[in-house]
């Protein structure tokens, strides 16, 4: 076991913890993926691509959450690549994308449009990409759908909740300066400190260990290309610790959600967490009131990190919603 997930794994009975890699998982992560780098603001962004069945197959773009990276979908994308083209993106300052001088939700939305447009240019016969965005990625996905509606075919937000005005929270209001990223003496030491945020246990230990393995990078003293110069040598996290200094969520998310023009859907973990001022059920009820045209559904047995808890249900739900959207597109063309 590489990580105890900040002791969250001890909450799961030992006989329910899956530590070995099942056959389906080994086959999925063995599927070849192309790595692409896209110029952006004098630096570069990274995404991974799994070739689909044809040049005109729909492009499904997967977007991770806060502090995560593209490889959270290494075992999800191959479950869908028989029917779709898949890309998985690294947000600016995360994964294998470069670090930037400043970050904002608008800048990140522009970045994911740059990557989805780059992917679409390779197969222009396909419809514009369908964006599946988890957690913090949901905020960025909503911003992109609002600002660049012609660049996307549809948006699914996954365990990202739209709050009524009285429950608005600026998540990063107290981030006045960046905490330095800790450098560990070995890969094993760094991977052992990996944890999910928000905290939760996960029965699929083998998935946590895989994610931990791809969340760290080796650095040399005085070097850190595309990021910041390091004072130490060792192993550290891939994300930029300064991302959220001055990062504003914005009080207009509710209005944005209500006015987005492209088709949307929302997926939630059936066992996800409640919030300080509202339960998750109250939050979802608010979203239903704002947008009754959007389908909302839970994944039973999943907490916030749905794709880690229930990978097949996550992939199956994406595939189901994709077929609904494809049918709607076909109806519009023939209608």
C-alpha atoms as a PDB file:
ATOM      1  CA  UNK A   1       0.000   0.000   0.000  1.00  0.00           C
ATOM      2  CA  UNK A   2       1.579   3.287  -1.144  1.00  0.00           C
ATOM      3  CA  UNK A   3      -0.697   5.727   0.692  1.00  0.00           C
ATOM      4  CA  UNK A   4      -2.935   5.584   3.733  1.00  0.00           C
ATOM      5  CA  UNK A   5      -4.756   8.686   2.424  1.00  0.00           C
ATOM      6  CA  UNK A   6      -4.250  10.722   5.619  1.00  0.00           C
ATOM      7  CA  UNK A   7      -5.488   7.712   7.664  1.00  0.00           C
ATOM      8  CA  UNK A   8      -8.816   7.715   5.812  1.00  0.00           C
ATOM      9  CA  UNK A   9      -8.159   4.165   4.600  1.00  0.00           C
ATOM     10  CA  UNK A  10      -8.351   2.895   8.173  1.00  0.00           C
ATOM     11  CA  UNK A  11     -12.081   3.710   8.120  1.00  0.00           C
ATOM     12  CA  UNK A  12     -12.670   0.864   5.660  1.00  0.00           C
ATOM     13  CA  UNK A  13     -12.845  -2.718   6.982  1.00  0.00           C
ATOM     14  CA  UNK A  14      -9.723  -4.572   5.890  1.00  0.00           C
ATOM     15  CA  UNK A  15     -11.720  -7.211   4.023  1.00  0.00           C
ATOM     16  CA  UNK A  16     -13.377  -4.479   1.897  1.00  0.00           C
ATOM     17  CA  UNK A  17     -10.131  -2.803   0.823  1.00  0.00           C
ATOM     18  CA  UNK A  18      -9.086  -3.817  -2.709  1.00  0.00           C
ATOM     19  CA  UNK A  19      -5.291  -3.663  -2.856  1.00  0.00           C
ATOM     20  CA  UNK A  20      -4.594  -5.722  -5.993  1.00  0.00           C
ATOM     21  CA  UNK A  21      -5.049  -4.388  -9.526  1.00  0.00           C
ATOM     22  CA  UNK A  22      -7.985  -6.201 -11.169  1.00  0.00           C
ATOM     23  CA  UNK A  23      -7.618  -7.461 -14.721  1.00  0.00           C
ATOM     24  CA  UNK A  24      -9.866  -4.735 -16.170  1.00  0.00           C
ATOM     25  CA  UNK A  25      -7.695  -2.035 -14.558  1.00  0.00           C
ATOM     26  CA  UNK A  26      -4.426  -3.499 -15.820  1.00  0.00           C
ATOM     27  CA  UNK A  27      -5.831  -3.669 -19.340  1.00  0.00           C
ATOM     28  CA  UNK A  28      -7.164  -0.099 -19.124  1.00  0.00           C
ATOM     29  CA  UNK A  29      -3.933   1.550 -17.987  1.00  0.00           C
ATOM     30  CA  UNK A  30      -2.004  -0.465 -20.593  1.00  0.00           C
ATOM     31  CA  UNK A  31      -4.041   1.158 -23.381  1.00  0.00           C
ATOM     32  CA  UNK A  32      -1.736   3.539 -25.296  1.00  0.00           C
ATOM     33  CA  UNK A  33      -2.395   7.258 -24.947  1.00  0.00           C
ATOM     34  CA  UNK A  34      -0.813  10.148 -26.852  1.00  0.00           C
ATOM     35  CA  UNK A  35       0.630  13.074 -24.882  1.00  0.00           C
ATOM     36  CA  UNK A  36       0.085  16.501 -26.431  1.00  0.00           C
ATOM     37  CA  UNK A  37       1.465  19.902 -25.446  1.00  0.00           C
ATOM     38  CA  UNK A  38      -0.353  23.072 -26.501  1.00  0.00           C
ATOM     39  CA  UNK A  39       1.256  26.564 -26.495  1.00  0.00           C
ATOM     40  CA  UNK A  40      -0.558  28.902 -24.109  1.00  0.00           C
ATOM     41  CA  UNK A  41       0.475  32.301 -22.705  1.00  0.00           C
ATOM     42  CA  UNK A  42       4.137  31.752 -23.576  1.00  0.00           C
ATOM     43  CA  UNK A  43       4.091  28.381 -21.812  1.00  0.00           C
ATOM     44  CA  UNK A  44       2.421  25.043 -22.496  1.00  0.00           C
ATOM     45  CA  UNK A  45      -0.568  22.953 -21.476  1.00  0.00           C
ATOM     46  CA  UNK A  46      -0.704  19.155 -21.468  1.00  0.00           C
ATOM     47  CA  UNK A  47      -3.431  16.698 -22.343  1.00  0.00           C
ATOM     48  CA  UNK A  48      -3.636  12.968 -23.053  1.00  0.00           C
ATOM     49  CA  UNK A  49      -5.550  11.443 -25.969  1.00  0.00           C
ATOM     50  CA  UNK A  50      -6.980   7.974 -26.614  1.00  0.00           C
ATOM     51  CA  UNK A  51      -7.785   7.335 -30.273  1.00  0.00           C
ATOM     52  CA  UNK A  52     -11.401   6.371 -30.831  1.00  0.00           C
ATOM     53  CA  UNK A  53     -13.068   4.133 -33.412  1.00  0.00           C
ATOM     54  CA  UNK A  54     -13.211   6.765 -36.168  1.00  0.00           C
ATOM     55  CA  UNK A  55     -12.326  10.355 -37.072  1.00  0.00           C
ATOM     56  CA  UNK A  56     -15.924  11.459 -36.687  1.00  0.00           C
ATOM     57  CA  UNK A  57     -16.533   9.754 -33.326  1.00  0.00           C
ATOM     58  CA  UNK A  58     -17.535  12.263 -30.629  1.00  0.00           C
ATOM     59  CA  UNK A  59     -14.721  13.754 -28.543  1.00  0.00           C
ATOM     60  CA  UNK A  60     -15.245  13.328 -24.799  1.00  0.00           C
ATOM     61  CA  UNK A  61     -13.035  15.754 -22.847  1.00  0.00           C
ATOM     62  CA  UNK A  62     -12.365  14.806 -19.212  1.00  0.00           C
ATOM     63  CA  UNK A  63     -11.421  17.489 -16.691  1.00  0.00           C
ATOM     64  CA  UNK A  64     -10.077  16.815 -13.192  1.00  0.00           C
ATOM     65  CA  UNK A  65     -10.627  18.655  -9.920  1.00  0.00           C
ATOM     66  CA  UNK A  66      -8.597  20.743  -7.483  1.00  0.00           C
ATOM     67  CA  UNK A  67      -4.925  19.722  -7.271  1.00  0.00           C
ATOM     68  CA  UNK A  68      -5.514  16.642  -9.433  1.00  0.00           C
ATOM     69  CA  UNK A  69      -4.335  15.879 -12.980  1.00  0.00           C
ATOM     70  CA  UNK A  70      -5.130  14.200 -16.294  1.00  0.00           C
ATOM     71  CA  UNK A  71      -4.021  10.749 -15.170  1.00  0.00           C
ATOM     72  CA  UNK A  72      -7.002  10.455 -12.819  1.00  0.00           C
ATOM     73  CA  UNK A  73      -8.760   9.277 -15.993  1.00  0.00           C
ATOM     74  CA  UNK A  74      -6.161   6.774 -17.271  1.00  0.00           C
ATOM     75  CA  UNK A  75      -8.454   3.914 -16.259  1.00  0.00           C
ATOM     76  CA  UNK A  76     -11.715   5.683 -17.230  1.00  0.00           C
ATOM     77  CA  UNK A  77     -10.922   6.786 -20.789  1.00  0.00           C
ATOM     78  CA  UNK A  78     -10.176   3.249 -22.107  1.00  0.00           C
ATOM     79  CA  UNK A  79     -13.605   2.112 -20.842  1.00  0.00           C
ATOM     80  CA  UNK A  80     -15.128   4.609 -23.302  1.00  0.00           C
ATOM     81  CA  UNK A  81     -12.678   4.604 -26.226  1.00  0.00           C
ATOM     82  CA  UNK A  82     -14.512   1.866 -28.149  1.00  0.00           C
ATOM     83  CA  UNK A  83     -17.222   4.415 -28.966  1.00  0.00           C
ATOM     84  CA  UNK A  84     -15.601   7.828 -28.502  1.00  0.00           C
ATOM     85  CA  UNK A  85     -12.396   9.782 -28.869  1.00  0.00           C
ATOM     86  CA  UNK A  86     -11.122  10.687 -25.395  1.00  0.00           C
ATOM     87  CA  UNK A  87      -8.923  13.446 -24.068  1.00  0.00           C
ATOM     88  CA  UNK A  88      -7.943  14.127 -20.464  1.00  0.00           C
ATOM     89  CA  UNK A  89      -6.589  17.588 -19.654  1.00  0.00           C
ATOM     90  CA  UNK A  90      -4.204  19.071 -17.100  1.00  0.00           C
ATOM     91  CA  UNK A  91      -5.411  22.441 -15.844  1.00  0.00           C
ATOM     92  CA  UNK A  92      -2.798  25.237 -15.764  1.00  0.00           C
ATOM     93  CA  UNK A  93      -0.431  24.745 -12.845  1.00  0.00           C
ATOM     94  CA  UNK A  94      -1.440  21.114 -12.375  1.00  0.00           C
ATOM     95  CA  UNK A  95      -0.264  17.764 -13.697  1.00  0.00           C
ATOM     96  CA  UNK A  96       2.177  18.148 -16.588  1.00  0.00           C
ATOM     97  CA  UNK A  97       0.964  21.604 -17.628  1.00  0.00           C
ATOM     98  CA  UNK A  98       3.339  24.483 -16.919  1.00  0.00           C
ATOM     99  CA  UNK A  99       3.049  26.820 -13.969  1.00  0.00           C
ATOM    100  CA  UNK A 100       1.938  30.410 -14.596  1.00  0.00           C
ATOM    101  CA  UNK A 101       2.502  33.785 -12.956  1.00  0.00           C
ATOM    102  CA  UNK A 102      -1.195  34.163 -12.063  1.00  0.00           C
ATOM    103  CA  UNK A 103      -4.372  32.089 -12.222  1.00  0.00           C
ATOM    104  CA  UNK A 104      -8.095  32.794 -12.469  1.00  0.00           C
ATOM    105  CA  UNK A 105     -11.195  30.871 -13.442  1.00  0.00           C
ATOM    106  CA  UNK A 106     -11.338  32.815 -16.757  1.00  0.00           C
ATOM    107  CA  UNK A 107      -7.721  31.999 -17.559  1.00  0.00           C
ATOM    108  CA  UNK A 108      -8.336  28.317 -16.795  1.00  0.00           C
ATOM    109  CA  UNK A 109     -11.495  28.303 -18.928  1.00  0.00           C
ATOM    110  CA  UNK A 110      -9.512  29.776 -21.810  1.00  0.00           C
ATOM    111  CA  UNK A 111      -6.869  27.070 -21.276  1.00  0.00           C
ATOM    112  CA  UNK A 112      -9.304  24.163 -21.549  1.00  0.00           C
ATOM    113  CA  UNK A 113     -10.807  25.688 -24.685  1.00  0.00           C
ATOM    114  CA  UNK A 114      -7.276  25.886 -26.123  1.00  0.00           C
ATOM    115  CA  UNK A 115      -6.794  22.166 -25.442  1.00  0.00           C
ATOM    116  CA  UNK A 116     -10.223  21.042 -26.664  1.00  0.00           C
ATOM    117  CA  UNK A 117      -9.833  23.152 -29.823  1.00  0.00           C
ATOM    118  CA  UNK A 118      -6.395  21.620 -30.413  1.00  0.00           C
ATOM    119  CA  UNK A 119      -7.865  18.127 -30.062  1.00  0.00           C
ATOM    120  CA  UNK A 120     -10.823  18.957 -32.307  1.00  0.00           C
ATOM    121  CA  UNK A 121      -8.549  20.350 -35.032  1.00  0.00           C
ATOM    122  CA  UNK A 122      -7.055  16.853 -35.445  1.00  0.00           C
ATOM    123  CA  UNK A 123     -10.489  15.410 -36.278  1.00  0.00           C
ATOM    124  CA  UNK A 124     -12.649  18.324 -37.470  1.00  0.00           C
ATOM    125  CA  UNK A 125     -15.265  15.887 -38.793  1.00  0.00           C
ATOM    126  CA  UNK A 126     -16.333  15.246 -35.191  1.00  0.00           C
ATOM    127  CA  UNK A 127     -18.771  17.465 -33.307  1.00  0.00           C
ATOM    128  CA  UNK A 128     -17.308  19.955 -30.854  1.00  0.00           C
ATOM    129  CA  UNK A 129     -16.049  18.227 -27.672  1.00  0.00           C
ATOM    130  CA  UNK A 130     -18.383  17.103 -24.890  1.00  0.00           C
ATOM    131  CA  UNK A 131     -16.902  18.228 -21.565  1.00  0.00           C
ATOM    132  CA  UNK A 132     -17.096  16.055 -18.418  1.00  0.00           C
ATOM    133  CA  UNK A 133     -15.825  18.122 -15.479  1.00  0.00           C
ATOM    134  CA  UNK A 134     -15.309  16.965 -11.895  1.00  0.00           C
ATOM    135  CA  UNK A 135     -15.427  19.101  -8.713  1.00  0.00           C
ATOM    136  CA  UNK A 136     -13.318  22.288  -9.116  1.00  0.00           C
ATOM    137  CA  UNK A 137     -13.192  21.378 -12.806  1.00  0.00           C
ATOM    138  CA  UNK A 138     -16.968  21.893 -12.784  1.00  0.00           C
ATOM    139  CA  UNK A 139     -16.433  25.565 -11.944  1.00  0.00           C
ATOM    140  CA  UNK A 140     -13.987  25.892 -14.827  1.00  0.00           C
ATOM    141  CA  UNK A 141     -16.294  23.926 -17.137  1.00  0.00           C
ATOM    142  CA  UNK A 142     -19.229  26.201 -16.322  1.00  0.00           C
ATOM    143  CA  UNK A 143     -17.090  29.259 -16.986  1.00  0.00           C
ATOM    144  CA  UNK A 144     -15.963  27.843 -20.344  1.00  0.00           C
ATOM    145  CA  UNK A 145     -19.520  26.896 -21.349  1.00  0.00           C
ATOM    146  CA  UNK A 146     -20.705  30.386 -20.426  1.00  0.00           C
ATOM    147  CA  UNK A 147     -17.905  32.296 -22.182  1.00  0.00           C
ATOM    148  CA  UNK A 148     -17.300  29.988 -25.165  1.00  0.00           C
ATOM    149  CA  UNK A 149     -20.597  28.192 -25.904  1.00  0.00           C
ATOM    150  CA  UNK A 150     -19.720  27.558 -29.560  1.00  0.00           C
ATOM    151  CA  UNK A 151     -16.568  25.644 -28.566  1.00  0.00           C
ATOM    152  CA  UNK A 152     -18.368  22.833 -26.722  1.00  0.00           C
ATOM    153  CA  UNK A 153     -21.256  20.518 -27.573  1.00  0.00           C
ATOM    154  CA  UNK A 154     -22.388  19.869 -23.998  1.00  0.00           C
ATOM    155  CA  UNK A 155     -21.252  19.923 -20.361  1.00  0.00           C
ATOM    156  CA  UNK A 156     -21.607  17.417 -17.528  1.00  0.00           C
ATOM    157  CA  UNK A 157     -20.592  18.620 -14.058  1.00  0.00           C
ATOM    158  CA  UNK A 158     -19.663  15.881 -11.585  1.00  0.00           C
ATOM    159  CA  UNK A 159     -20.158  16.483  -7.862  1.00  0.00           C
ATOM    160  CA  UNK A 160     -19.905  20.235  -8.307  1.00  0.00           C
ATOM    161  CA  UNK A 161     -22.774  22.003  -6.545  1.00  0.00           C
ATOM    162  CA  UNK A 162     -24.316  25.370  -7.439  1.00  0.00           C
ATOM    163  CA  UNK A 163     -25.028  27.304  -4.252  1.00  0.00           C
ATOM    164  CA  UNK A 164     -27.849  29.759  -3.565  1.00  0.00           C
ATOM    165  CA  UNK A 165     -26.582  33.282  -2.842  1.00  0.00           C
ATOM    166  CA  UNK A 166     -26.843  33.006   0.949  1.00  0.00           C
ATOM    167  CA  UNK A 167     -24.575  29.938   0.930  1.00  0.00           C
ATOM    168  CA  UNK A 168     -21.894  31.401  -1.353  1.00  0.00           C
ATOM    169  CA  UNK A 169     -18.349  30.639  -0.275  1.00  0.00           C
ATOM    170  CA  UNK A 170     -15.057  31.962  -1.551  1.00  0.00           C
ATOM    171  CA  UNK A 171     -13.076  28.768  -1.003  1.00  0.00           C
ATOM    172  CA  UNK A 172      -9.693  30.442  -1.187  1.00  0.00           C
ATOM    173  CA  UNK A 173     -10.378  33.772   0.548  1.00  0.00           C
ATOM    174  CA  UNK A 174      -7.814  33.005   3.256  1.00  0.00           C
ATOM    175  CA  UNK A 175      -5.004  32.163   0.787  1.00  0.00           C
ATOM    176  CA  UNK A 176      -2.904  35.310   1.163  1.00  0.00           C
ATOM    177  CA  UNK A 177       0.365  33.659   0.217  1.00  0.00           C
ATOM    178  CA  UNK A 178       1.458  30.321  -1.163  1.00  0.00           C
ATOM    179  CA  UNK A 179       2.681  27.660   1.210  1.00  0.00           C
ATOM    180  CA  UNK A 180       5.886  26.135  -0.126  1.00  0.00           C
ATOM    181  CA  UNK A 181       5.450  22.669  -1.572  1.00  0.00           C
ATOM    182  CA  UNK A 182       7.223  20.119   0.583  1.00  0.00           C
ATOM    183  CA  UNK A 183      10.081  18.187  -0.998  1.00  0.00           C
ATOM    184  CA  UNK A 184      10.453  14.557   0.118  1.00  0.00           C
ATOM    185  CA  UNK A 185      13.683  12.528   0.101  1.00  0.00           C
ATOM    186  CA  UNK A 186      12.236   9.644  -1.938  1.00  0.00           C
ATOM    187  CA  UNK A 187       9.383   8.775  -4.276  1.00  0.00           C
ATOM    188  CA  UNK A 188       7.985   6.348  -1.693  1.00  0.00           C
ATOM    189  CA  UNK A 189       7.930   9.046   0.999  1.00  0.00           C
ATOM    190  CA  UNK A 190       6.065  11.447  -1.284  1.00  0.00           C
ATOM    191  CA  UNK A 191       3.539   8.856  -2.476  1.00  0.00           C
ATOM    192  CA  UNK A 192       2.893   7.835   1.109  1.00  0.00           C
ATOM    193  CA  UNK A 193       1.742  11.385   1.895  1.00  0.00           C
ATOM    194  CA  UNK A 194      -0.810  11.486  -0.935  1.00  0.00           C
ATOM    195  CA  UNK A 195      -4.357  12.221   0.226  1.00  0.00           C
ATOM    196  CA  UNK A 196      -7.710  13.064  -1.294  1.00  0.00           C
ATOM    197  CA  UNK A 197      -9.203  16.537  -0.841  1.00  0.00           C
ATOM    198  CA  UNK A 198     -11.867  16.820   0.407  1.00  0.00           C
ATOM    199  CA  UNK A 199     -10.976  13.902   2.636  1.00  0.00           C
ATOM    200  CA  UNK A 200     -12.750  10.601   2.162  1.00  0.00           C
ATOM    201  CA  UNK A 201     -11.882   6.904   2.303  1.00  0.00           C
ATOM    202  CA  UNK A 202     -11.805   4.852  -0.904  1.00  0.00           C
ATOM    203  CA  UNK A 203     -12.254   1.075  -1.107  1.00  0.00           C
ATOM    204  CA  UNK A 204     -10.166   0.940  -4.295  1.00  0.00           C
ATOM    205  CA  UNK A 205      -6.715   1.182  -2.746  1.00  0.00           C
ATOM    206  CA  UNK A 206      -5.152   0.118  -6.049  1.00  0.00           C
ATOM    207  CA  UNK A 207      -6.574   3.248  -7.705  1.00  0.00           C
ATOM    208  CA  UNK A 208      -5.325   5.545  -4.941  1.00  0.00           C
ATOM    209  CA  UNK A 209      -1.867   4.027  -5.251  1.00  0.00           C
ATOM    210  CA  UNK A 210      -1.878   4.524  -9.025  1.00  0.00           C
ATOM    211  CA  UNK A 211      -2.960   8.164  -8.684  1.00  0.00           C
ATOM    212  CA  UNK A 212      -0.332   8.778  -5.986  1.00  0.00           C
ATOM    213  CA  UNK A 213       2.357   7.365  -8.280  1.00  0.00           C
ATOM    214  CA  UNK A 214       1.462   9.884 -11.001  1.00  0.00           C
ATOM    215  CA  UNK A 215       0.991  12.854  -8.660  1.00  0.00           C
ATOM    216  CA  UNK A 216       4.687  13.308  -7.837  1.00  0.00           C
ATOM    217  CA  UNK A 217       7.751  14.344  -9.794  1.00  0.00           C
ATOM    218  CA  UNK A 218      11.478  14.394  -9.178  1.00  0.00           C
ATOM    219  CA  UNK A 219      13.274  17.749  -9.005  1.00  0.00           C
ATOM    220  CA  UNK A 220      16.929  18.743  -8.843  1.00  0.00           C
ATOM    221  CA  UNK A 221      18.261  21.568  -6.712  1.00  0.00           C
ATOM    222  CA  UNK A 222      18.226  24.789  -8.716  1.00  0.00           C
ATOM    223  CA  UNK A 223      16.063  23.305 -11.485  1.00  0.00           C
ATOM    224  CA  UNK A 224      12.349  22.986 -12.109  1.00  0.00           C
ATOM    225  CA  UNK A 225      11.659  23.579 -15.847  1.00  0.00           C
ATOM    226  CA  UNK A 226       8.335  25.235 -16.614  1.00  0.00           C
ATOM    227  CA  UNK A 227       7.687  25.713 -12.906  1.00  0.00           C
ATOM    228  CA  UNK A 228       9.655  27.432 -10.121  1.00  0.00           C
ATOM    229  CA  UNK A 229      13.320  27.063  -9.209  1.00  0.00           C
ATOM    230  CA  UNK A 230      13.743  24.546  -6.387  1.00  0.00           C
ATOM    231  CA  UNK A 231      15.980  25.060  -3.343  1.00  0.00           C
ATOM    232  CA  UNK A 232      16.016  21.311  -2.708  1.00  0.00           C
ATOM    233  CA  UNK A 233      16.414  18.039  -4.543  1.00  0.00           C
ATOM    234  CA  UNK A 234      13.939  15.199  -4.095  1.00  0.00           C
ATOM    235  CA  UNK A 235      10.325  14.397  -4.885  1.00  0.00           C
ATOM    236  CA  UNK A 236       7.376  16.762  -4.721  1.00  0.00           C
ATOM    237  CA  UNK A 237       3.827  17.316  -5.989  1.00  0.00           C
ATOM    238  CA  UNK A 238       3.050  18.344  -9.539  1.00  0.00           C
ATOM    239  CA  UNK A 239       0.668  21.197  -8.694  1.00  0.00           C
ATOM    240  CA  UNK A 240       1.698  24.827  -8.224  1.00  0.00           C
ATOM    241  CA  UNK A 241       1.217  25.852  -4.546  1.00  0.00           C
ATOM    242  CA  UNK A 242       0.462  29.446  -5.608  1.00  0.00           C
ATOM    243  CA  UNK A 243      -2.591  28.653  -7.760  1.00  0.00           C
ATOM    244  CA  UNK A 244      -5.203  29.803  -5.260  1.00  0.00           C
ATOM    245  CA  UNK A 245      -3.585  32.981  -3.951  1.00  0.00           C
ATOM    246  CA  UNK A 246      -6.159  35.625  -4.840  1.00  0.00           C
ATOM    247  CA  UNK A 247      -8.284  33.080  -6.736  1.00  0.00           C
ATOM    248  CA  UNK A 248     -11.917  34.277  -6.870  1.00  0.00           C
ATOM    249  CA  UNK A 249     -14.825  31.836  -7.297  1.00  0.00           C
ATOM    250  CA  UNK A 250     -17.310  34.656  -7.984  1.00  0.00           C
ATOM    251  CA  UNK A 251     -20.860  35.402  -6.922  1.00  0.00           C
ATOM    252  CA  UNK A 252     -22.153  35.058 -10.475  1.00  0.00           C
ATOM    253  CA  UNK A 253     -21.944  31.242 -10.655  1.00  0.00           C
ATOM    254  CA  UNK A 254     -25.662  30.885  -9.976  1.00  0.00           C
ATOM    255  CA  UNK A 255     -26.598  33.321 -12.770  1.00  0.00           C
ATOM    256  CA  UNK A 256     -24.085  31.661 -15.076  1.00  0.00           C
ATOM    257  CA  UNK A 257     -25.594  28.230 -14.440  1.00  0.00           C
ATOM    258  CA  UNK A 258     -29.094  29.528 -15.173  1.00  0.00           C
ATOM    259  CA  UNK A 259     -28.147  31.030 -18.532  1.00  0.00           C
ATOM    260  CA  UNK A 260     -25.763  28.498 -20.111  1.00  0.00           C
ATOM    261  CA  UNK A 261     -27.039  27.698 -23.595  1.00  0.00           C
ATOM    262  CA  UNK A 262     -25.461  24.323 -24.356  1.00  0.00           C
ATOM    263  CA  UNK A 263     -27.000  21.060 -23.068  1.00  0.00           C
ATOM    264  CA  UNK A 264     -25.966  20.131 -19.532  1.00  0.00           C
ATOM    265  CA  UNK A 265     -26.171  17.225 -17.112  1.00  0.00           C
ATOM    266  CA  UNK A 266     -25.093  16.750 -13.499  1.00  0.00           C
ATOM    267  CA  UNK A 267     -23.714  13.636 -11.799  1.00  0.00           C
ATOM    268  CA  UNK A 268     -23.271  13.275  -8.048  1.00  0.00           C
ATOM    269  CA  UNK A 269     -21.765  10.781  -5.637  1.00  0.00           C
ATOM    270  CA  UNK A 270     -24.653   9.247  -3.710  1.00  0.00           C
ATOM    271  CA  UNK A 271     -22.528   9.265  -0.534  1.00  0.00           C
ATOM    272  CA  UNK A 272     -20.877  12.639  -1.087  1.00  0.00           C
ATOM    273  CA  UNK A 273     -20.495  15.161   1.716  1.00  0.00           C
ATOM    274  CA  UNK A 274     -22.875  17.798   3.042  1.00  0.00           C
ATOM    275  CA  UNK A 275     -21.961  21.471   3.321  1.00  0.00           C
ATOM    276  CA  UNK A 276     -21.770  23.942   6.167  1.00  0.00           C
ATOM    277  CA  UNK A 277     -25.030  25.740   5.392  1.00  0.00           C
ATOM    278  CA  UNK A 278     -26.887  23.160   3.298  1.00  0.00           C
ATOM    279  CA  UNK A 279     -27.045  19.418   2.851  1.00  0.00           C
ATOM    280  CA  UNK A 280     -26.097  18.013  -0.540  1.00  0.00           C
ATOM    281  CA  UNK A 281     -29.776  17.181  -1.138  1.00  0.00           C
ATOM    282  CA  UNK A 282     -30.787  20.789  -0.486  1.00  0.00           C
ATOM    283  CA  UNK A 283     -28.034  21.948  -2.846  1.00  0.00           C
ATOM    284  CA  UNK A 284     -29.220  19.627  -5.611  1.00  0.00           C
ATOM    285  CA  UNK A 285     -32.836  20.723  -5.040  1.00  0.00           C
ATOM    286  CA  UNK A 286     -31.699  24.308  -5.559  1.00  0.00           C
ATOM    287  CA  UNK A 287     -29.978  23.313  -8.809  1.00  0.00           C
ATOM    288  CA  UNK A 288     -33.122  21.525 -10.010  1.00  0.00           C
ATOM    289  CA  UNK A 289     -35.134  24.663  -9.332  1.00  0.00           C
ATOM    290  CA  UNK A 290     -32.649  26.807 -11.259  1.00  0.00           C
ATOM    291  CA  UNK A 291     -32.434  24.454 -14.239  1.00  0.00           C
ATOM    292  CA  UNK A 292     -35.296  21.933 -14.370  1.00  0.00           C
ATOM    293  CA  UNK A 293     -34.225  21.007 -17.918  1.00  0.00           C
ATOM    294  CA  UNK A 294     -30.946  19.468 -16.692  1.00  0.00           C
ATOM    295  CA  UNK A 295     -30.870  15.755 -15.728  1.00  0.00           C
ATOM    296  CA  UNK A 296     -29.522  15.111 -12.205  1.00  0.00           C
ATOM    297  CA  UNK A 297     -28.564  11.694 -10.901  1.00  0.00           C
ATOM    298  CA  UNK A 298     -26.557  10.013  -8.166  1.00  0.00           C
ATOM    299  CA  UNK A 299     -23.994   7.226  -8.424  1.00  0.00           C
ATOM    300  CA  UNK A 300     -24.857   4.814  -5.562  1.00  0.00           C
ATOM    301  CA  UNK A 301     -21.969   3.973  -3.256  1.00  0.00           C
ATOM    302  CA  UNK A 302     -19.761   6.801  -4.542  1.00  0.00           C
ATOM    303  CA  UNK A 303     -18.433   9.629  -2.437  1.00  0.00           C
ATOM    304  CA  UNK A 304     -17.134  12.911  -3.858  1.00  0.00           C
ATOM    305  CA  UNK A 305     -14.373  11.321  -5.964  1.00  0.00           C
ATOM    306  CA  UNK A 306     -16.813   9.348  -8.069  1.00  0.00           C
ATOM    307  CA  UNK A 307     -14.389   8.000 -10.680  1.00  0.00           C
ATOM    308  CA  UNK A 308     -12.194   6.489  -7.954  1.00  0.00           C
ATOM    309  CA  UNK A 309     -15.033   4.967  -5.941  1.00  0.00           C
ATOM    310  CA  UNK A 310     -17.165   3.623  -8.788  1.00  0.00           C
ATOM    311  CA  UNK A 311     -15.139   3.784 -12.034  1.00  0.00           C
ATOM    312  CA  UNK A 312     -17.457   1.575 -14.118  1.00  0.00           C
ATOM    313  CA  UNK A 313     -20.583   3.411 -12.964  1.00  0.00           C
ATOM    314  CA  UNK A 314     -18.886   6.739 -13.724  1.00  0.00           C
ATOM    315  CA  UNK A 315     -17.915   5.614 -17.241  1.00  0.00           C
ATOM    316  CA  UNK A 316     -21.324   4.013 -17.833  1.00  0.00           C
ATOM    317  CA  UNK A 317     -23.136   7.179 -16.786  1.00  0.00           C
ATOM    318  CA  UNK A 318     -20.999   9.280 -19.116  1.00  0.00           C
ATOM    319  CA  UNK A 319     -21.708   6.858 -21.977  1.00  0.00           C
ATOM    320  CA  UNK A 320     -25.457   6.923 -21.277  1.00  0.00           C
ATOM    321  CA  UNK A 321     -25.572  10.714 -21.216  1.00  0.00           C
ATOM    322  CA  UNK A 322     -23.430  10.864 -24.363  1.00  0.00           C
ATOM    323  CA  UNK A 323     -25.972   8.783 -26.250  1.00  0.00           C
ATOM    324  CA  UNK A 324     -28.773  11.093 -25.073  1.00  0.00           C
ATOM    325  CA  UNK A 325     -26.838  14.096 -26.348  1.00  0.00           C
ATOM    326  CA  UNK A 326     -25.984  12.389 -29.643  1.00  0.00           C
ATOM    327  CA  UNK A 327     -29.649  11.568 -30.201  1.00  0.00           C
ATOM    328  CA  UNK A 328     -30.597  15.176 -29.425  1.00  0.00           C
ATOM    329  CA  UNK A 329     -28.012  16.439 -31.927  1.00  0.00           C
ATOM    330  CA  UNK A 330     -29.302  14.060 -34.597  1.00  0.00           C
ATOM    331  CA  UNK A 331     -32.887  15.220 -33.955  1.00  0.00           C
ATOM    332  CA  UNK A 332     -31.877  18.863 -34.309  1.00  0.00           C
ATOM    333  CA  UNK A 333     -30.155  18.123 -37.630  1.00  0.00           C
ATOM    334  CA  UNK A 334     -33.136  16.232 -39.049  1.00  0.00           C
ATOM    335  CA  UNK A 335     -35.725  18.541 -37.505  1.00  0.00           C
END
